[in-house]
Amino acid sequence: MARTSTKKDNRERARQRRAELDAERARRDAAIEEAASTFFDANDDREELIAKLDAIDVDRALAVQSLVELKETNPRIAQLLDIPASEVRRLRELGAGETPAPAAETNGNEAATTDDIERDDRDKEAA
């Protein structure tokens, strides 16, 4: 009978250990779900902000286009608005209905290059 008692004890220990492991797995699964849910919430917020930024960029592009129509050059627009010349070009493309390239990360102190000046000179000659 001692043997039957030992088998029962071992079965009970196995059930208890399995229950402990199942509880750990359940806690881990809950933490995984929480992390994934947090990510999806943040991703939705990000998508909303990107849509808002796109709309703001259209407004910025229209303002740059107004300056272009007033015969301001790219370097002058860049100085006036304190933005890089590359951003002026991107916004001009956006204002013209073209798909802009992503804006490069800059500190806003980019000086006009000779390429910008030559391009503006050609634009003036063509006008």
N, C-alpha and C. Protein backbone atom coordinates (compact mmCIF):
# COMPACT_ATOMS: atom_id res chain seq x y z
N MET A 1 0.80 -1.18 0.00
CA MET A 1 0.00 0.00 0.00
C MET A 1 0.85 1.26 0.00
N ALA A 2 2.05 1.14 0.50
CA ALA A 2 2.94 2.28 0.48
C ALA A 2 3.23 2.71 -0.94
N ARG A 3 3.28 1.72 -1.80
CA ARG A 3 3.55 2.04 -3.19
C ARG A 3 2.40 2.81 -3.83
N THR A 4 1.17 2.46 -3.54
CA THR A 4 0.00 3.16 -4.06
C THR A 4 -0.02 4.59 -3.54
N SER A 5 0.32 4.75 -2.31
CA SER A 5 0.38 6.07 -1.72
C SER A 5 1.44 6.93 -2.41
N THR A 6 2.58 6.36 -2.73
CA THR A 6 3.65 7.08 -3.41
C THR A 6 3.21 7.48 -4.82
N LYS A 7 2.51 6.59 -5.51
CA LYS A 7 2.03 6.91 -6.86
C LYS A 7 1.05 8.08 -6.79
N LYS A 8 0.16 8.05 -5.80
CA LYS A 8 -0.80 9.15 -5.65
C LYS A 8 -0.06 10.45 -5.35
N ASP A 9 0.91 10.40 -4.49
CA ASP A 9 1.70 11.59 -4.16
C ASP A 9 2.42 12.12 -5.40
N ASN A 10 3.00 11.21 -6.16
CA ASN A 10 3.71 11.64 -7.37
C ASN A 10 2.76 12.26 -8.39
N ARG A 11 1.57 11.64 -8.53
CA ARG A 11 0.58 12.20 -9.44
C ARG A 11 0.17 13.61 -8.98
N GLU A 12 -0.04 13.75 -7.72
CA GLU A 12 -0.42 15.06 -7.17
C GLU A 12 0.69 16.08 -7.38
N ARG A 13 1.92 15.68 -7.16
CA ARG A 13 3.06 16.58 -7.40
C ARG A 13 3.12 16.98 -8.87
N ALA A 14 2.89 16.02 -9.77
CA ALA A 14 2.91 16.31 -11.21
C ALA A 14 1.80 17.29 -11.58
N ARG A 15 0.60 17.07 -11.03
CA ARG A 15 -0.52 17.99 -11.30
C ARG A 15 -0.20 19.40 -10.80
N GLN A 16 0.36 19.45 -9.59
CA GLN A 16 0.70 20.75 -9.01
C GLN A 16 1.76 21.46 -9.85
N ARG A 17 2.77 20.74 -10.25
CA ARG A 17 3.84 21.35 -11.06
C ARG A 17 3.30 21.82 -12.40
N ARG A 18 2.44 20.98 -13.02
CA ARG A 18 1.83 21.38 -14.30
C ARG A 18 0.98 22.63 -14.11
N ALA A 19 0.24 22.73 -13.03
CA ALA A 19 -0.58 23.91 -12.75
C ALA A 19 0.30 25.14 -12.58
N GLU A 20 1.43 24.99 -11.90
CA GLU A 20 2.36 26.12 -11.73
C GLU A 20 2.90 26.57 -13.08
N LEU A 21 3.30 25.60 -13.90
CA LEU A 21 3.84 25.95 -15.22
C LEU A 21 2.77 26.58 -16.10
N ASP A 22 1.54 26.05 -16.03
CA ASP A 22 0.44 26.64 -16.80
C ASP A 22 0.17 28.07 -16.36
N ALA A 23 0.25 28.32 -15.06
CA ALA A 23 0.03 29.68 -14.55
C ALA A 23 1.13 30.62 -15.04
N GLU A 24 2.38 30.14 -15.04
CA GLU A 24 3.48 30.96 -15.57
C GLU A 24 3.26 31.26 -17.05
N ARG A 25 2.86 30.25 -17.80
CA ARG A 25 2.61 30.43 -19.23
C ARG A 25 1.48 31.44 -19.45
N ALA A 26 0.43 31.35 -18.64
CA ALA A 26 -0.70 32.27 -18.75
C ALA A 26 -0.26 33.71 -18.46
N ARG A 27 0.59 33.88 -17.42
CA ARG A 27 1.10 35.23 -17.12
C ARG A 27 1.94 35.76 -18.27
N ARG A 28 2.78 34.90 -18.83
CA ARG A 28 3.63 35.31 -19.96
C ARG A 28 2.78 35.66 -21.18
N ASP A 29 1.78 34.84 -21.47
CA ASP A 29 0.89 35.12 -22.59
C ASP A 29 0.16 36.44 -22.40
N ALA A 30 -0.28 36.72 -21.17
CA ALA A 30 -0.96 37.98 -20.89
C ALA A 30 -0.01 39.16 -21.09
N ALA A 31 1.24 39.01 -20.67
CA ALA A 31 2.22 40.08 -20.85
C ALA A 31 2.51 40.30 -22.34
N ILE A 32 2.58 39.22 -23.10
CA ILE A 32 2.81 39.33 -24.55
C ILE A 32 1.64 40.06 -25.20
N GLU A 33 0.42 39.68 -24.84
CA GLU A 33 -0.76 40.34 -25.39
C GLU A 33 -0.77 41.83 -25.04
N GLU A 34 -0.41 42.16 -23.81
CA GLU A 34 -0.38 43.56 -23.37
C GLU A 34 0.64 44.36 -24.17
N ALA A 35 1.83 43.79 -24.36
CA ALA A 35 2.87 44.48 -25.13
C ALA A 35 2.43 44.67 -26.58
N ALA A 36 1.84 43.65 -27.17
CA ALA A 36 1.38 43.77 -28.56
C ALA A 36 0.26 44.80 -28.67
N SER A 37 -0.65 44.81 -27.70
CA SER A 37 -1.74 45.78 -27.70
C SER A 37 -1.20 47.21 -27.57
N THR A 38 -0.23 47.40 -26.70
CA THR A 38 0.40 48.72 -26.54
C THR A 38 1.04 49.16 -27.85
N PHE A 39 1.72 48.23 -28.53
CA PHE A 39 2.33 48.56 -29.81
C PHE A 39 1.27 48.99 -30.82
N PHE A 40 0.18 48.23 -30.93
CA PHE A 40 -0.85 48.55 -31.91
C PHE A 40 -1.51 49.89 -31.61
N ASP A 41 -1.72 50.19 -30.33
CA ASP A 41 -2.26 51.50 -29.96
C ASP A 41 -1.32 52.62 -30.41
N ALA A 42 -0.04 52.45 -30.11
CA ALA A 42 0.95 53.46 -30.50
C ALA A 42 1.06 53.57 -32.01
N ASN A 43 0.96 52.45 -32.70
CA ASN A 43 1.04 52.47 -34.16
C ASN A 43 -0.15 53.22 -34.76
N ASP A 44 -1.35 53.02 -34.19
CA ASP A 44 -2.52 53.77 -34.65
C ASP A 44 -2.32 55.26 -34.44
N ASP A 45 -1.80 55.64 -33.26
CA ASP A 45 -1.51 57.06 -32.99
C ASP A 45 -0.51 57.61 -33.99
N ARG A 46 0.49 56.82 -34.31
CA ARG A 46 1.52 57.24 -35.27
C ARG A 46 0.91 57.49 -36.65
N GLU A 47 0.05 56.58 -37.09
CA GLU A 47 -0.59 56.74 -38.40
C GLU A 47 -1.43 58.02 -38.44
N GLU A 48 -2.14 58.32 -37.35
CA GLU A 48 -2.92 59.56 -37.29
C GLU A 48 -2.01 60.77 -37.40
N LEU A 49 -0.89 60.75 -36.68
CA LEU A 49 0.04 61.88 -36.72
C LEU A 49 0.66 62.04 -38.11
N ILE A 50 0.98 60.94 -38.75
CA ILE A 50 1.55 61.02 -40.10
C ILE A 50 0.54 61.66 -41.05
N ALA A 51 -0.73 61.29 -40.92
CA ALA A 51 -1.77 61.89 -41.77
C ALA A 51 -1.87 63.39 -41.51
N LYS A 52 -1.79 63.79 -40.23
CA LYS A 52 -1.84 65.22 -39.90
C LYS A 52 -0.62 65.94 -40.46
N LEU A 53 0.56 65.32 -40.34
CA LEU A 53 1.78 65.94 -40.88
C LEU A 53 1.71 66.08 -42.39
N ASP A 54 1.13 65.10 -43.06
CA ASP A 54 0.97 65.19 -44.51
C ASP A 54 0.08 66.38 -44.88
N ALA A 55 -0.99 66.58 -44.14
CA ALA A 55 -1.88 67.72 -44.39
C ALA A 55 -1.17 69.04 -44.12
N ILE A 56 -0.37 69.08 -43.08
CA ILE A 56 0.40 70.28 -42.76
C ILE A 56 1.42 70.56 -43.86
N ASP A 57 2.06 69.52 -44.37
CA ASP A 57 3.03 69.69 -45.45
C ASP A 57 2.38 70.28 -46.69
N VAL A 58 1.13 69.91 -46.96
CA VAL A 58 0.42 70.49 -48.11
C VAL A 58 0.26 71.99 -47.89
N ASP A 59 -0.11 72.41 -46.68
CA ASP A 59 -0.23 73.84 -46.37
C ASP A 59 1.11 74.54 -46.53
N ARG A 60 2.18 73.90 -46.05
CA ARG A 60 3.52 74.49 -46.19
C ARG A 60 3.89 74.61 -47.67
N ALA A 61 3.55 73.59 -48.44
CA ALA A 61 3.87 73.60 -49.87
C ALA A 61 3.13 74.73 -50.58
N LEU A 62 1.89 74.96 -50.20
CA LEU A 62 1.13 76.05 -50.82
C LEU A 62 1.75 77.41 -50.49
N ALA A 63 2.24 77.55 -49.26
CA ALA A 63 2.90 78.80 -48.87
C ALA A 63 4.18 79.00 -49.66
N VAL A 64 4.96 77.93 -49.82
CA VAL A 64 6.20 78.02 -50.62
C VAL A 64 5.84 78.34 -52.06
N GLN A 65 4.80 77.71 -52.58
CA GLN A 65 4.38 77.97 -53.96
C GLN A 65 3.99 79.44 -54.13
N SER A 66 3.37 80.03 -53.12
CA SER A 66 3.03 81.46 -53.18
C SER A 66 4.30 82.30 -53.28
N LEU A 67 5.33 81.93 -52.53
CA LEU A 67 6.60 82.66 -52.60
C LEU A 67 7.24 82.50 -53.97
N VAL A 68 7.15 81.32 -54.54
CA VAL A 68 7.69 81.08 -55.89
C VAL A 68 6.96 81.95 -56.90
N GLU A 69 5.65 82.04 -56.78
CA GLU A 69 4.85 82.87 -57.68
C GLU A 69 5.20 84.35 -57.52
N LEU A 70 5.72 84.71 -56.36
CA LEU A 70 6.17 86.08 -56.13
C LEU A 70 7.62 86.27 -56.58
N LYS A 71 8.13 85.28 -57.32
CA LYS A 71 9.47 85.30 -57.94
C LYS A 71 10.61 85.21 -56.94
N GLU A 72 10.35 84.63 -55.79
CA GLU A 72 11.43 84.39 -54.83
C GLU A 72 12.21 83.15 -55.27
N THR A 73 13.51 83.17 -55.08
CA THR A 73 14.36 82.04 -55.46
C THR A 73 14.40 81.01 -54.33
N ASN A 74 14.83 79.81 -54.69
CA ASN A 74 14.94 78.76 -53.67
C ASN A 74 15.85 79.16 -52.51
N PRO A 75 17.06 79.68 -52.78
CA PRO A 75 17.91 80.08 -51.65
C PRO A 75 17.28 81.17 -50.79
N ARG A 76 16.61 82.11 -51.42
CA ARG A 76 15.97 83.18 -50.66
C ARG A 76 14.81 82.64 -49.83
N ILE A 77 14.03 81.74 -50.40
CA ILE A 77 12.93 81.12 -49.66
C ILE A 77 13.49 80.34 -48.47
N ALA A 78 14.58 79.62 -48.70
CA ALA A 78 15.21 78.85 -47.62
C ALA A 78 15.65 79.77 -46.49
N GLN A 79 16.27 80.89 -46.85
CA GLN A 79 16.69 81.86 -45.83
C GLN A 79 15.50 82.47 -45.11
N LEU A 80 14.51 82.88 -45.88
CA LEU A 80 13.34 83.53 -45.33
C LEU A 80 12.60 82.63 -44.34
N LEU A 81 12.45 81.37 -44.70
CA LEU A 81 11.68 80.44 -43.87
C LEU A 81 12.55 79.66 -42.89
N ASP A 82 13.86 79.87 -42.97
CA ASP A 82 14.82 79.17 -42.09
C ASP A 82 14.66 77.65 -42.20
N ILE A 83 14.62 77.20 -43.45
CA ILE A 83 14.57 75.76 -43.73
C ILE A 83 15.65 75.44 -44.76
N PRO A 84 16.09 74.20 -44.83
CA PRO A 84 17.12 73.83 -45.81
C PRO A 84 16.59 73.97 -47.24
N ALA A 85 17.50 74.24 -48.16
CA ALA A 85 17.12 74.35 -49.57
C ALA A 85 16.50 73.05 -50.07
N SER A 86 16.97 71.93 -49.55
CA SER A 86 16.39 70.63 -49.96
C SER A 86 14.92 70.54 -49.56
N GLU A 87 14.57 71.14 -48.43
CA GLU A 87 13.17 71.15 -47.99
C GLU A 87 12.34 72.06 -48.88
N VAL A 88 12.92 73.17 -49.32
CA VAL A 88 12.22 74.06 -50.26
C VAL A 88 11.91 73.29 -51.53
N ARG A 89 12.91 72.57 -52.06
CA ARG A 89 12.69 71.79 -53.29
C ARG A 89 11.61 70.72 -53.08
N ARG A 90 11.66 70.04 -51.94
CA ARG A 90 10.66 69.00 -51.65
C ARG A 90 9.26 69.60 -51.58
N LEU A 91 9.13 70.74 -50.93
CA LEU A 91 7.83 71.38 -50.81
C LEU A 91 7.35 71.93 -52.15
N ARG A 92 8.29 72.40 -52.97
CA ARG A 92 7.90 72.85 -54.31
C ARG A 92 7.37 71.68 -55.13
N GLU A 93 8.03 70.54 -55.04
CA GLU A 93 7.56 69.35 -55.75
C GLU A 93 6.17 68.94 -55.25
N LEU A 94 5.99 68.99 -53.94
CA LEU A 94 4.70 68.64 -53.36
C LEU A 94 3.63 69.62 -53.84
N GLY A 95 3.98 70.90 -53.88
CA GLY A 95 3.04 71.91 -54.34
C GLY A 95 2.71 71.77 -55.81
N ALA A 96 3.63 71.20 -56.57
CA ALA A 96 3.41 70.99 -58.00
C ALA A 96 2.67 69.68 -58.25
N GLY A 97 2.35 68.96 -57.18
CA GLY A 97 1.60 67.72 -57.32
C GLY A 97 2.46 66.49 -57.52
N GLU A 98 3.77 66.63 -57.41
CA GLU A 98 4.66 65.49 -57.55
C GLU A 98 4.79 64.80 -56.20
N THR A 99 5.18 63.55 -56.23
CA THR A 99 5.42 62.81 -54.99
C THR A 99 6.78 63.22 -54.46
N PRO A 100 6.83 63.81 -53.28
CA PRO A 100 8.11 64.27 -52.75
C PRO A 100 8.93 63.13 -52.17
N ALA A 101 10.22 63.33 -52.22
CA ALA A 101 11.12 62.41 -51.53
C ALA A 101 11.04 62.73 -50.05
N PRO A 102 11.28 61.77 -49.17
CA PRO A 102 11.25 62.07 -47.74
C PRO A 102 12.26 63.16 -47.40
N ALA A 103 11.87 64.03 -46.50
CA ALA A 103 12.76 65.11 -46.09
C ALA A 103 13.94 64.55 -45.33
N ALA A 104 15.12 65.06 -45.63
CA ALA A 104 16.32 64.63 -44.93
C ALA A 104 16.35 65.31 -43.57
N GLU A 105 16.89 64.63 -42.60
CA GLU A 105 17.04 65.21 -41.28
C GLU A 105 18.19 66.22 -41.32
N THR A 106 17.88 67.47 -41.04
CA THR A 106 18.91 68.50 -41.00
C THR A 106 18.64 69.39 -39.80
N ASN A 107 19.59 70.26 -39.54
CA ASN A 107 19.40 71.17 -38.42
C ASN A 107 18.82 72.51 -38.85
N GLY A 108 18.45 72.63 -40.13
CA GLY A 108 17.85 73.86 -40.62
C GLY A 108 18.85 74.92 -41.00
N ASN A 109 20.14 74.64 -40.90
CA ASN A 109 21.16 75.63 -41.22
C ASN A 109 21.87 75.33 -42.52
N GLU A 110 21.26 74.53 -43.37
CA GLU A 110 21.89 74.17 -44.64
C GLU A 110 21.97 75.41 -45.53
N ALA A 111 23.13 75.69 -46.02
CA ALA A 111 23.30 76.84 -46.89
C ALA A 111 22.93 76.44 -48.31
N ALA A 112 22.56 77.44 -49.11
CA ALA A 112 22.24 77.18 -50.51
C ALA A 112 23.52 76.76 -51.23
N THR A 113 23.39 75.75 -52.06
CA THR A 113 24.55 75.28 -52.81
C THR A 113 24.61 75.99 -54.15
N THR A 114 25.75 75.86 -54.82
CA THR A 114 25.86 76.47 -56.15
C THR A 114 24.87 75.83 -57.10
N ASP A 115 24.55 74.56 -56.89
CA ASP A 115 23.56 73.89 -57.73
C ASP A 115 22.20 74.57 -57.58
N ASP A 116 21.84 74.97 -56.34
CA ASP A 116 20.59 75.68 -56.12
C ASP A 116 20.59 77.01 -56.85
N ILE A 117 21.68 77.72 -56.74
CA ILE A 117 21.77 79.04 -57.35
C ILE A 117 21.72 78.91 -58.87
N GLU A 118 22.45 77.94 -59.43
CA GLU A 118 22.43 77.73 -60.87
C GLU A 118 21.03 77.35 -61.34
N ARG A 119 20.35 76.50 -60.58
CA ARG A 119 19.00 76.09 -60.95
C ARG A 119 18.07 77.30 -60.92
N ASP A 120 18.22 78.16 -59.90
CA ASP A 120 17.39 79.35 -59.83
C ASP A 120 17.71 80.32 -60.96
N ASP A 121 19.00 80.42 -61.33
CA ASP A 121 19.37 81.28 -62.45
C ASP A 121 18.72 80.79 -63.74
N ARG A 122 18.70 79.47 -63.95
CA ARG A 122 18.05 78.92 -65.14
C ARG A 122 16.56 79.21 -65.10
N ASP A 123 15.95 79.11 -63.91
CA ASP A 123 14.53 79.40 -63.79
C ASP A 123 14.23 80.85 -64.15
N LYS A 124 15.10 81.76 -63.72
CA LYS A 124 14.90 83.18 -64.02
C LYS A 124 15.04 83.43 -65.52
N GLU A 125 16.04 82.80 -66.14
CA GLU A 125 16.25 82.98 -67.58
C GLU A 125 15.07 82.44 -68.37
N ALA A 126 14.49 81.35 -67.92
CA ALA A 126 13.37 80.76 -68.63
C ALA A 126 12.11 81.60 -68.48
N ALA A 127 12.02 82.37 -67.42
CA ALA A 127 10.81 83.16 -67.16
C ALA A 127 10.73 84.40 -67.97
